[in-house]
Amino acid sequence: MNPVPKMKQVTIGVMCLTTLALPALADGFFLQTDAARDTRSLVATVAKGPWNFGLNLSDYEGGSSAITSVTYAFPLGEVAVLKLGPSIGLLRENGAWGDPEPGVKLSLDRYAAMPFGSVYGLIELNSIDAAWFVLAQLTLQQPGLSFELSDGGSDSYRETTIAVQKKLSDGPVSLRFGYKLRSEEVFIGFNINTF
């Protein structure tokens, strides 16, 4: 049985939970890196007021990508935060890097504080390589555990991921452990999140 359709249902369910509280704009920094047998990724975001600066680096079997973006945040009332702006990317396929490709990035995210912790949902679209990404995250404050489900892809790559992360003490660092369903590989990583 293919677990991917069931995962999409869970993702949609968790994202629906994020509609229970107000969206928030916050200054902060996020850095996350994961490594598996055949794939590696690094995501970095810096937010200052409505401005967001992003970097995504991915290395996967058959290719690599490096995409940076600058987006401006538009709060959508009590629903979510829409971010829109230019991006530029480099893609490597068959061992050769292509020319820089300009694009447009659009994202919609929502963070909701809950009595038990928080829920977070994110949808991202980028015209570079027709990339898309959906994430749902549930955080339990007391044990400092987060459970994450994501699905993403592009014209050259596709992956569905399940992850658990454990916050280290009261600081912004968490250790990550997870499984990539399509490539069938375990990964480890960490993140630093000051939001």
N, C-alpha and C. Protein backbone atom coordinates (compact mmCIF):
# COMPACT_ATOMS: atom_id res chain seq x y z
N MET A 1 0.84 -1.20 0.00
CA MET A 1 0.00 0.00 0.00
C MET A 1 0.88 1.25 0.00
N ASN A 2 0.55 2.19 -0.84
CA ASN A 2 1.31 3.44 -0.94
C ASN A 2 0.86 4.39 0.17
N PRO A 3 1.79 4.81 1.10
CA PRO A 3 1.39 5.66 2.23
C PRO A 3 1.20 7.13 1.86
N VAL A 4 1.56 7.53 0.63
CA VAL A 4 1.54 8.95 0.28
C VAL A 4 0.14 9.55 0.31
N PRO A 5 -0.92 8.91 -0.27
CA PRO A 5 -2.26 9.53 -0.18
C PRO A 5 -2.71 9.75 1.26
N LYS A 6 -2.45 8.82 2.16
CA LYS A 6 -2.82 8.98 3.56
C LYS A 6 -2.07 10.16 4.18
N MET A 7 -0.79 10.33 3.80
CA MET A 7 0.01 11.44 4.33
C MET A 7 -0.58 12.78 3.88
N LYS A 8 -1.06 12.85 2.66
CA LYS A 8 -1.66 14.10 2.19
C LYS A 8 -2.91 14.44 3.01
N GLN A 9 -3.69 13.43 3.40
CA GLN A 9 -4.85 13.67 4.23
C GLN A 9 -4.45 14.21 5.60
N VAL A 10 -3.38 13.65 6.17
CA VAL A 10 -2.89 14.12 7.45
C VAL A 10 -2.39 15.55 7.33
N THR A 11 -1.66 15.85 6.24
CA THR A 11 -1.16 17.20 6.02
C THR A 11 -2.31 18.20 5.97
N ILE A 12 -3.34 17.89 5.23
CA ILE A 12 -4.49 18.78 5.11
C ILE A 12 -5.16 18.96 6.47
N GLY A 13 -5.26 17.88 7.25
CA GLY A 13 -5.87 17.97 8.57
C GLY A 13 -5.11 18.89 9.52
N VAL A 14 -3.78 18.73 9.54
CA VAL A 14 -2.97 19.57 10.43
C VAL A 14 -3.02 21.02 9.97
N MET A 15 -3.01 21.25 8.65
CA MET A 15 -3.08 22.63 8.16
C MET A 15 -4.42 23.26 8.51
N CYS A 16 -5.49 22.46 8.56
CA CYS A 16 -6.79 23.01 8.98
C CYS A 16 -6.74 23.46 10.43
N LEU A 17 -5.97 22.77 11.27
CA LEU A 17 -5.83 23.19 12.67
C LEU A 17 -5.23 24.58 12.78
N THR A 18 -4.41 24.96 11.80
CA THR A 18 -3.74 26.25 11.87
C THR A 18 -4.71 27.41 11.69
N THR A 19 -5.94 27.14 11.32
CA THR A 19 -6.91 28.22 11.16
C THR A 19 -7.54 28.62 12.49
N LEU A 20 -7.13 28.00 13.60
CA LEU A 20 -7.76 28.26 14.88
C LEU A 20 -7.20 29.46 15.64
N ALA A 21 -6.13 30.08 15.15
CA ALA A 21 -5.55 31.24 15.84
C ALA A 21 -5.06 32.26 14.83
N LEU A 22 -4.63 33.39 15.34
CA LEU A 22 -4.24 34.49 14.46
C LEU A 22 -2.86 34.28 13.85
N PRO A 23 -2.63 34.76 12.62
CA PRO A 23 -1.29 34.68 12.03
C PRO A 23 -0.38 35.69 12.73
N ALA A 24 0.93 35.46 12.61
CA ALA A 24 1.87 36.37 13.27
C ALA A 24 3.03 36.69 12.35
N LEU A 25 3.42 37.96 12.32
CA LEU A 25 4.66 38.39 11.68
C LEU A 25 5.70 38.50 12.78
N ALA A 26 6.86 37.94 12.55
CA ALA A 26 7.89 37.99 13.60
C ALA A 26 9.26 38.11 12.96
N ASP A 27 10.14 38.86 13.62
CA ASP A 27 11.53 38.92 13.21
C ASP A 27 12.21 37.67 13.72
N GLY A 28 13.14 37.15 12.93
CA GLY A 28 13.85 35.96 13.38
C GLY A 28 14.71 35.37 12.30
N PHE A 29 15.31 34.24 12.67
CA PHE A 29 16.24 33.52 11.81
C PHE A 29 15.92 32.04 11.89
N PHE A 30 15.94 31.37 10.75
CA PHE A 30 15.71 29.92 10.70
C PHE A 30 16.77 29.29 9.81
N LEU A 31 17.44 28.28 10.32
CA LEU A 31 18.42 27.52 9.55
C LEU A 31 18.16 26.05 9.81
N GLN A 32 18.04 25.28 8.73
CA GLN A 32 17.80 23.84 8.88
C GLN A 32 18.62 23.09 7.85
N THR A 33 19.25 22.02 8.29
CA THR A 33 19.98 21.18 7.36
C THR A 33 19.68 19.72 7.67
N ASP A 34 19.49 18.92 6.63
CA ASP A 34 19.23 17.49 6.74
C ASP A 34 20.18 16.75 5.82
N ALA A 35 20.60 15.55 6.22
CA ALA A 35 21.48 14.74 5.39
C ALA A 35 21.02 13.29 5.43
N ALA A 36 20.97 12.68 4.24
CA ALA A 36 20.64 11.27 4.10
C ALA A 36 21.67 10.64 3.16
N ARG A 37 21.49 9.38 2.85
CA ARG A 37 22.43 8.67 1.99
C ARG A 37 22.60 9.36 0.64
N ASP A 38 21.50 9.70 -0.03
CA ASP A 38 21.57 10.26 -1.38
C ASP A 38 21.10 11.70 -1.50
N THR A 39 20.66 12.30 -0.41
CA THR A 39 20.13 13.67 -0.48
C THR A 39 20.64 14.51 0.67
N ARG A 40 20.81 15.79 0.40
CA ARG A 40 21.19 16.76 1.42
C ARG A 40 20.44 18.05 1.13
N SER A 41 20.10 18.77 2.19
CA SER A 41 19.40 20.04 1.99
C SER A 41 19.76 21.03 3.08
N LEU A 42 19.68 22.29 2.72
CA LEU A 42 19.87 23.38 3.67
C LEU A 42 18.86 24.47 3.33
N VAL A 43 18.15 24.93 4.34
CA VAL A 43 17.17 26.01 4.18
C VAL A 43 17.51 27.09 5.19
N ALA A 44 17.56 28.33 4.76
CA ALA A 44 17.81 29.45 5.66
C ALA A 44 16.84 30.57 5.35
N THR A 45 16.31 31.20 6.39
CA THR A 45 15.40 32.33 6.24
C THR A 45 15.71 33.37 7.31
N VAL A 46 15.75 34.62 6.89
CA VAL A 46 15.89 35.74 7.82
C VAL A 46 14.69 36.66 7.58
N ALA A 47 13.98 37.01 8.64
CA ALA A 47 12.82 37.90 8.52
C ALA A 47 13.06 39.15 9.35
N LYS A 48 12.81 40.29 8.76
CA LYS A 48 12.91 41.58 9.46
C LYS A 48 11.70 42.39 9.04
N GLY A 49 10.76 42.55 9.97
CA GLY A 49 9.52 43.23 9.61
C GLY A 49 8.82 42.43 8.53
N PRO A 50 8.35 43.11 7.48
CA PRO A 50 7.66 42.39 6.42
C PRO A 50 8.60 41.74 5.40
N TRP A 51 9.91 41.99 5.51
CA TRP A 51 10.88 41.47 4.54
C TRP A 51 11.41 40.11 4.97
N ASN A 52 11.51 39.19 3.98
CA ASN A 52 12.01 37.84 4.22
C ASN A 52 13.07 37.52 3.17
N PHE A 53 14.21 37.03 3.63
CA PHE A 53 15.31 36.66 2.74
C PHE A 53 15.54 35.16 2.88
N GLY A 54 15.49 34.42 1.77
CA GLY A 54 15.57 32.97 1.84
C GLY A 54 16.65 32.37 0.96
N LEU A 55 17.14 31.22 1.38
CA LEU A 55 18.11 30.44 0.62
C LEU A 55 17.77 28.97 0.77
N ASN A 56 17.66 28.25 -0.35
CA ASN A 56 17.42 26.81 -0.36
C ASN A 56 18.52 26.15 -1.18
N LEU A 57 19.23 25.21 -0.58
CA LEU A 57 20.24 24.42 -1.28
C LEU A 57 19.83 22.96 -1.19
N SER A 58 19.83 22.26 -2.31
CA SER A 58 19.46 20.85 -2.33
C SER A 58 20.43 20.08 -3.21
N ASP A 59 20.78 18.90 -2.75
CA ASP A 59 21.61 18.00 -3.53
C ASP A 59 20.92 16.65 -3.49
N TYR A 60 20.54 16.13 -4.63
CA TYR A 60 19.78 14.89 -4.71
C TYR A 60 20.34 14.06 -5.85
N GLU A 61 19.93 12.80 -5.89
CA GLU A 61 20.43 11.91 -6.92
C GLU A 61 20.06 12.45 -8.30
N GLY A 62 21.06 12.80 -9.09
CA GLY A 62 20.82 13.31 -10.44
C GLY A 62 20.85 14.81 -10.57
N GLY A 63 20.99 15.55 -9.46
CA GLY A 63 21.00 17.00 -9.61
C GLY A 63 21.19 17.76 -8.33
N SER A 64 21.23 19.06 -8.46
CA SER A 64 21.37 19.98 -7.33
C SER A 64 20.63 21.26 -7.68
N SER A 65 20.31 22.04 -6.64
CA SER A 65 19.70 23.34 -6.89
C SER A 65 20.13 24.31 -5.80
N ALA A 66 20.20 25.58 -6.19
CA ALA A 66 20.50 26.67 -5.26
C ALA A 66 19.57 27.81 -5.63
N ILE A 67 18.66 28.16 -4.72
CA ILE A 67 17.65 29.19 -5.00
C ILE A 67 17.62 30.19 -3.86
N THR A 68 17.65 31.46 -4.20
CA THR A 68 17.54 32.51 -3.19
C THR A 68 16.34 33.39 -3.53
N SER A 69 15.78 34.03 -2.51
CA SER A 69 14.59 34.85 -2.75
C SER A 69 14.52 36.00 -1.75
N VAL A 70 13.78 37.02 -2.15
CA VAL A 70 13.43 38.14 -1.27
C VAL A 70 11.93 38.31 -1.42
N THR A 71 11.21 38.19 -0.30
CA THR A 71 9.76 38.33 -0.37
C THR A 71 9.27 39.38 0.62
N TYR A 72 8.10 39.89 0.33
CA TYR A 72 7.45 40.87 1.20
C TYR A 72 6.19 40.23 1.75
N ALA A 73 5.96 40.36 3.06
CA ALA A 73 4.83 39.70 3.72
C ALA A 73 3.59 40.60 3.73
N PHE A 74 2.46 40.00 3.37
CA PHE A 74 1.17 40.67 3.39
C PHE A 74 0.24 39.87 4.32
N PRO A 75 0.00 40.34 5.56
CA PRO A 75 -0.93 39.61 6.43
C PRO A 75 -2.33 39.61 5.82
N LEU A 76 -2.95 38.46 5.81
CA LEU A 76 -4.30 38.31 5.26
C LEU A 76 -5.30 38.26 6.42
N GLY A 77 -5.41 39.38 7.10
CA GLY A 77 -6.33 39.45 8.24
C GLY A 77 -5.96 38.43 9.29
N GLU A 78 -6.94 37.64 9.69
CA GLU A 78 -6.72 36.62 10.71
C GLU A 78 -6.50 35.24 10.11
N VAL A 79 -6.29 35.18 8.80
CA VAL A 79 -6.21 33.89 8.13
C VAL A 79 -4.79 33.36 8.02
N ALA A 80 -3.89 34.12 7.43
CA ALA A 80 -2.53 33.65 7.16
C ALA A 80 -1.67 34.83 6.75
N VAL A 81 -0.43 34.54 6.38
CA VAL A 81 0.48 35.56 5.86
C VAL A 81 0.92 35.13 4.46
N LEU A 82 0.69 36.01 3.51
CA LEU A 82 1.10 35.78 2.12
C LEU A 82 2.43 36.48 1.90
N LYS A 83 3.39 35.78 1.30
CA LYS A 83 4.69 36.37 0.99
C LYS A 83 4.93 36.22 -0.49
N LEU A 84 5.39 37.31 -1.11
CA LEU A 84 5.56 37.33 -2.56
C LEU A 84 6.81 38.12 -2.91
N GLY A 85 7.58 37.62 -3.89
CA GLY A 85 8.76 38.35 -4.31
C GLY A 85 9.58 37.60 -5.33
N PRO A 86 10.67 38.23 -5.79
CA PRO A 86 11.52 37.63 -6.82
C PRO A 86 12.44 36.55 -6.23
N SER A 87 12.85 35.65 -7.10
CA SER A 87 13.81 34.63 -6.72
C SER A 87 14.77 34.42 -7.89
N ILE A 88 15.90 33.85 -7.60
CA ILE A 88 16.86 33.49 -8.64
C ILE A 88 17.46 32.15 -8.27
N GLY A 89 17.64 31.30 -9.27
CA GLY A 89 18.12 29.96 -8.97
C GLY A 89 19.09 29.42 -9.99
N LEU A 90 19.87 28.46 -9.53
CA LEU A 90 20.79 27.69 -10.38
C LEU A 90 20.44 26.23 -10.22
N LEU A 91 20.36 25.52 -11.34
CA LEU A 91 20.03 24.10 -11.31
C LEU A 91 21.15 23.32 -11.99
N ARG A 92 21.48 22.16 -11.40
CA ARG A 92 22.48 21.27 -11.99
C ARG A 92 21.81 19.96 -12.34
N GLU A 93 21.91 19.61 -13.61
CA GLU A 93 21.39 18.33 -14.08
C GLU A 93 22.42 17.68 -14.97
N ASN A 94 22.57 16.37 -14.87
CA ASN A 94 23.54 15.62 -15.66
C ASN A 94 24.95 16.18 -15.50
N GLY A 95 25.29 16.62 -14.30
CA GLY A 95 26.64 17.08 -14.00
C GLY A 95 26.97 18.49 -14.44
N ALA A 96 26.05 19.22 -15.05
CA ALA A 96 26.35 20.57 -15.54
C ALA A 96 25.37 21.58 -14.95
N TRP A 97 25.92 22.71 -14.48
CA TRP A 97 25.09 23.79 -13.95
C TRP A 97 24.52 24.60 -15.09
N GLY A 98 23.26 24.95 -15.00
CA GLY A 98 22.63 25.79 -16.00
C GLY A 98 22.86 27.27 -15.71
N ASP A 99 22.31 28.11 -16.56
CA ASP A 99 22.41 29.55 -16.36
C ASP A 99 21.48 29.98 -15.22
N PRO A 100 21.78 31.11 -14.56
CA PRO A 100 20.87 31.62 -13.53
C PRO A 100 19.48 31.83 -14.11
N GLU A 101 18.48 31.42 -13.35
CA GLU A 101 17.09 31.53 -13.80
C GLU A 101 16.30 32.42 -12.86
N PRO A 102 15.74 33.52 -13.36
CA PRO A 102 14.90 34.35 -12.50
C PRO A 102 13.52 33.72 -12.33
N GLY A 103 12.89 34.05 -11.21
CA GLY A 103 11.57 33.49 -10.96
C GLY A 103 10.79 34.33 -9.98
N VAL A 104 9.65 33.80 -9.58
CA VAL A 104 8.77 34.44 -8.61
C VAL A 104 8.42 33.40 -7.55
N LYS A 105 8.51 33.82 -6.29
CA LYS A 105 8.16 32.94 -5.18
C LYS A 105 6.91 33.48 -4.49
N LEU A 106 6.01 32.57 -4.17
CA LEU A 106 4.77 32.87 -3.46
C LEU A 106 4.64 31.86 -2.33
N SER A 107 4.37 32.35 -1.13
CA SER A 107 4.14 31.42 -0.03
C SER A 107 2.98 31.90 0.83
N LEU A 108 2.39 30.95 1.50
CA LEU A 108 1.28 31.22 2.42
C LEU A 108 1.58 30.41 3.67
N ASP A 109 1.69 31.08 4.83
CA ASP A 109 1.96 30.33 6.05
C ASP A 109 1.14 30.84 7.21
N ARG A 110 1.05 29.96 8.20
CA ARG A 110 0.26 30.28 9.38
C ARG A 110 0.84 29.56 10.58
N TYR A 111 1.08 30.33 11.64
CA TYR A 111 1.52 29.79 12.92
C TYR A 111 0.39 30.02 13.90
N ALA A 112 0.07 29.00 14.68
CA ALA A 112 -1.00 29.14 15.66
C ALA A 112 -0.55 28.56 17.00
N ALA A 113 -0.51 29.42 18.02
CA ALA A 113 -0.22 28.95 19.38
C ALA A 113 -1.44 28.20 19.92
N MET A 114 -1.18 27.11 20.59
CA MET A 114 -2.24 26.28 21.15
C MET A 114 -1.92 26.01 22.62
N PRO A 115 -2.90 25.57 23.41
CA PRO A 115 -2.62 25.27 24.82
C PRO A 115 -1.51 24.22 25.00
N PHE A 116 -1.40 23.29 24.07
CA PHE A 116 -0.41 22.22 24.16
C PHE A 116 0.92 22.57 23.51
N GLY A 117 0.97 23.65 22.72
CA GLY A 117 2.17 24.01 21.97
C GLY A 117 1.81 24.88 20.78
N SER A 118 1.94 24.33 19.57
CA SER A 118 1.60 25.11 18.39
C SER A 118 1.40 24.20 17.18
N VAL A 119 0.76 24.79 16.16
CA VAL A 119 0.69 24.15 14.85
C VAL A 119 1.16 25.17 13.82
N TYR A 120 1.74 24.67 12.77
CA TYR A 120 2.27 25.54 11.72
C TYR A 120 2.01 24.89 10.38
N GLY A 121 1.59 25.71 9.41
CA GLY A 121 1.38 25.23 8.06
C GLY A 121 2.03 26.16 7.06
N LEU A 122 2.57 25.59 5.99
CA LEU A 122 3.27 26.37 4.97
C LEU A 122 3.00 25.77 3.60
N ILE A 123 2.71 26.66 2.64
CA ILE A 123 2.61 26.28 1.23
C ILE A 123 3.51 27.23 0.47
N GLU A 124 4.41 26.70 -0.36
CA GLU A 124 5.31 27.52 -1.16
C GLU A 124 5.24 27.12 -2.62
N LEU A 125 5.27 28.13 -3.50
CA LEU A 125 5.35 27.91 -4.94
C LEU A 125 6.47 28.78 -5.48
N ASN A 126 7.23 28.24 -6.42
CA ASN A 126 8.29 29.01 -7.07
C ASN A 126 8.28 28.67 -8.55
N SER A 127 8.31 29.69 -9.39
CA SER A 127 8.26 29.44 -10.83
C SER A 127 9.55 28.78 -11.34
N ILE A 128 10.64 28.86 -10.57
CA ILE A 128 11.89 28.20 -10.97
C ILE A 128 11.70 26.69 -10.86
N ASP A 129 11.85 26.01 -11.96
CA ASP A 129 11.72 24.55 -12.03
C ASP A 129 10.34 24.08 -11.56
N ALA A 130 9.35 24.98 -11.60
CA ALA A 130 7.98 24.67 -11.17
C ALA A 130 7.97 24.01 -9.79
N ALA A 131 8.72 24.59 -8.85
CA ALA A 131 8.88 24.00 -7.51
C ALA A 131 7.69 24.32 -6.63
N TRP A 132 7.35 23.37 -5.77
CA TRP A 132 6.26 23.54 -4.80
C TRP A 132 6.61 22.76 -3.53
N PHE A 133 6.02 23.20 -2.40
CA PHE A 133 6.32 22.57 -1.12
C PHE A 133 5.15 22.81 -0.17
N VAL A 134 4.76 21.78 0.56
CA VAL A 134 3.68 21.87 1.54
C VAL A 134 4.20 21.24 2.84
N LEU A 135 3.99 21.92 3.96
CA LEU A 135 4.47 21.42 5.25
C LEU A 135 3.40 21.61 6.31
N ALA A 136 3.26 20.63 7.19
CA ALA A 136 2.40 20.73 8.37
C ALA A 136 3.22 20.28 9.56
N GLN A 137 3.17 21.07 10.64
CA GLN A 137 3.98 20.75 11.82
C GLN A 137 3.14 20.93 13.08
N LEU A 138 3.25 19.96 13.97
CA LEU A 138 2.58 19.98 15.27
C LEU A 138 3.66 19.94 16.34
N THR A 139 3.66 20.92 17.26
CA THR A 139 4.67 20.99 18.31
C THR A 139 4.02 20.83 19.68
N LEU A 140 4.58 19.93 20.47
CA LEU A 140 4.16 19.73 21.85
C LEU A 140 5.18 20.44 22.73
N GLN A 141 4.75 21.51 23.39
CA GLN A 141 5.66 22.36 24.14
C GLN A 141 6.33 21.64 25.30
N GLN A 142 5.56 20.86 26.08
CA GLN A 142 6.09 20.27 27.30
C GLN A 142 7.25 19.31 27.06
N PRO A 143 7.14 18.32 26.16
CA PRO A 143 8.33 17.49 25.93
C PRO A 143 9.30 18.12 24.93
N GLY A 144 8.90 19.24 24.30
CA GLY A 144 9.77 19.87 23.32
C GLY A 144 9.91 19.08 22.04
N LEU A 145 8.84 18.39 21.65
CA LEU A 145 8.84 17.56 20.44
C LEU A 145 7.98 18.18 19.35
N SER A 146 8.46 18.07 18.12
CA SER A 146 7.68 18.50 16.96
C SER A 146 7.55 17.33 15.99
N PHE A 147 6.37 17.22 15.37
CA PHE A 147 6.11 16.19 14.38
C PHE A 147 5.78 16.91 13.08
N GLU A 148 6.43 16.49 12.01
CA GLU A 148 6.36 17.24 10.76
C GLU A 148 6.08 16.30 9.59
N LEU A 149 5.24 16.76 8.69
CA LEU A 149 4.96 16.05 7.45
C LEU A 149 5.09 17.05 6.32
N SER A 150 5.87 16.71 5.30
CA SER A 150 6.03 17.63 4.18
C SER A 150 6.01 16.86 2.87
N ASP A 151 5.63 17.57 1.83
CA ASP A 151 5.61 17.01 0.48
C ASP A 151 6.04 18.13 -0.44
N GLY A 152 6.91 17.83 -1.37
CA GLY A 152 7.39 18.86 -2.28
C GLY A 152 7.94 18.27 -3.55
N GLY A 153 8.09 19.13 -4.54
CA GLY A 153 8.62 18.65 -5.80
C GLY A 153 8.88 19.78 -6.76
N SER A 154 9.34 19.39 -7.93
CA SER A 154 9.63 20.33 -9.00
C SER A 154 9.64 19.53 -10.30
N ASP A 155 10.08 20.15 -11.37
CA ASP A 155 10.19 19.43 -12.64
C ASP A 155 11.24 18.32 -12.58
N SER A 156 12.15 18.41 -11.60
CA SER A 156 13.26 17.45 -11.56
C SER A 156 13.35 16.62 -10.27
N TYR A 157 12.45 16.84 -9.30
CA TYR A 157 12.60 16.18 -8.01
C TYR A 157 11.25 16.09 -7.31
N ARG A 158 11.06 15.03 -6.50
CA ARG A 158 9.83 14.87 -5.73
C ARG A 158 10.14 14.11 -4.46
N GLU A 159 9.60 14.56 -3.31
CA GLU A 159 9.84 13.86 -2.06
C GLU A 159 8.73 14.13 -1.05
N THR A 160 8.42 13.11 -0.27
CA THR A 160 7.49 13.20 0.86
C THR A 160 8.27 12.80 2.10
N THR A 161 8.19 13.59 3.16
CA THR A 161 9.03 13.40 4.33
C THR A 161 8.22 13.42 5.61
N ILE A 162 8.58 12.52 6.52
CA ILE A 162 8.05 12.50 7.88
C ILE A 162 9.24 12.77 8.81
N ALA A 163 9.09 13.68 9.78
CA ALA A 163 10.20 14.00 10.67
C ALA A 163 9.72 14.24 12.09
N VAL A 164 10.62 13.97 13.03
CA VAL A 164 10.42 14.28 14.44
C VAL A 164 11.62 15.11 14.86
N GLN A 165 11.37 16.17 15.60
CA GLN A 165 12.49 16.96 16.10
C GLN A 165 12.33 17.22 17.59
N LYS A 166 13.49 17.23 18.26
CA LYS A 166 13.53 17.42 19.71
C LYS A 166 14.33 18.67 20.02
N LYS A 167 13.69 19.60 20.71
CA LYS A 167 14.35 20.83 21.10
C LYS A 167 15.38 20.55 22.20
N LEU A 168 16.56 21.16 22.07
CA LEU A 168 17.60 20.99 23.06
C LEU A 168 17.50 22.11 24.09
N SER A 169 17.23 21.79 25.31
CA SER A 169 17.07 22.73 26.43
C SER A 169 16.11 23.86 26.06
N ASP A 170 16.39 25.07 26.51
CA ASP A 170 15.52 26.20 26.23
C ASP A 170 16.02 27.04 25.07
N GLY A 171 17.05 26.59 24.39
CA GLY A 171 17.63 27.35 23.28
C GLY A 171 16.88 27.14 21.98
N PRO A 172 17.38 27.72 20.89
CA PRO A 172 16.69 27.65 19.61
C PRO A 172 17.07 26.43 18.76
N VAL A 173 17.90 25.52 19.28
CA VAL A 173 18.41 24.40 18.48
C VAL A 173 17.57 23.15 18.72
N SER A 174 17.26 22.45 17.61
CA SER A 174 16.55 21.17 17.66
C SER A 174 17.29 20.15 16.82
N LEU A 175 17.31 18.90 17.28
CA LEU A 175 17.82 17.79 16.49
C LEU A 175 16.66 17.17 15.73
N ARG A 176 16.94 16.70 14.51
CA ARG A 176 15.89 16.15 13.64
C ARG A 176 16.23 14.72 13.22
N PHE A 177 15.17 13.94 13.05
CA PHE A 177 15.31 12.57 12.57
C PHE A 177 14.07 12.29 11.74
N GLY A 178 14.26 11.67 10.58
CA GLY A 178 13.08 11.42 9.77
C GLY A 178 13.31 10.40 8.67
N TYR A 179 12.28 10.26 7.84
CA TYR A 179 12.29 9.27 6.77
C TYR A 179 11.71 9.89 5.51
N LYS A 180 12.40 9.68 4.38
CA LYS A 180 11.94 10.15 3.08
C LYS A 180 11.23 8.98 2.40
N LEU A 181 9.93 9.12 2.18
CA LEU A 181 9.11 8.01 1.69
C LEU A 181 9.44 7.61 0.26
N ARG A 182 9.66 8.57 -0.62
CA ARG A 182 9.88 8.23 -2.02
C ARG A 182 11.28 7.65 -2.27
N SER A 183 12.28 8.25 -1.67
CA SER A 183 13.64 7.74 -1.84
C SER A 183 13.97 6.63 -0.84
N GLU A 184 13.05 6.38 0.10
CA GLU A 184 13.18 5.30 1.08
C GLU A 184 14.50 5.39 1.83
N GLU A 185 14.75 6.55 2.45
CA GLU A 185 15.98 6.71 3.21
C GLU A 185 15.74 7.51 4.48
N VAL A 186 16.51 7.16 5.49
CA VAL A 186 16.50 7.84 6.78
C VAL A 186 17.40 9.06 6.68
N PHE A 187 17.03 10.15 7.39
CA PHE A 187 17.90 11.32 7.43
C PHE A 187 18.02 11.82 8.86
N ILE A 188 19.08 12.57 9.09
CA ILE A 188 19.28 13.24 10.37
C ILE A 188 19.59 14.71 10.06
N GLY A 189 19.40 15.57 11.04
CA GLY A 189 19.69 16.98 10.81
C GLY A 189 19.48 17.78 12.07
N PHE A 190 19.53 19.09 11.90
CA PHE A 190 19.26 19.99 13.02
C PHE A 190 18.68 21.27 12.47
N ASN A 191 18.09 22.06 13.34
CA ASN A 191 17.68 23.40 12.94
C ASN A 191 17.89 24.37 14.09
N ILE A 192 18.00 25.64 13.70
CA ILE A 192 18.07 26.74 14.64
C ILE A 192 16.93 27.67 14.28
N ASN A 193 16.04 27.93 15.23
CA ASN A 193 14.84 28.69 14.96
C ASN A 193 14.65 29.74 16.05
N THR A 194 14.82 31.02 15.70
CA THR A 194 14.67 32.09 16.69
C THR A 194 13.31 32.78 16.59
N PHE A 195 12.41 32.28 15.73
CA PHE A 195 11.09 32.89 15.63
C PHE A 195 10.27 32.59 16.87
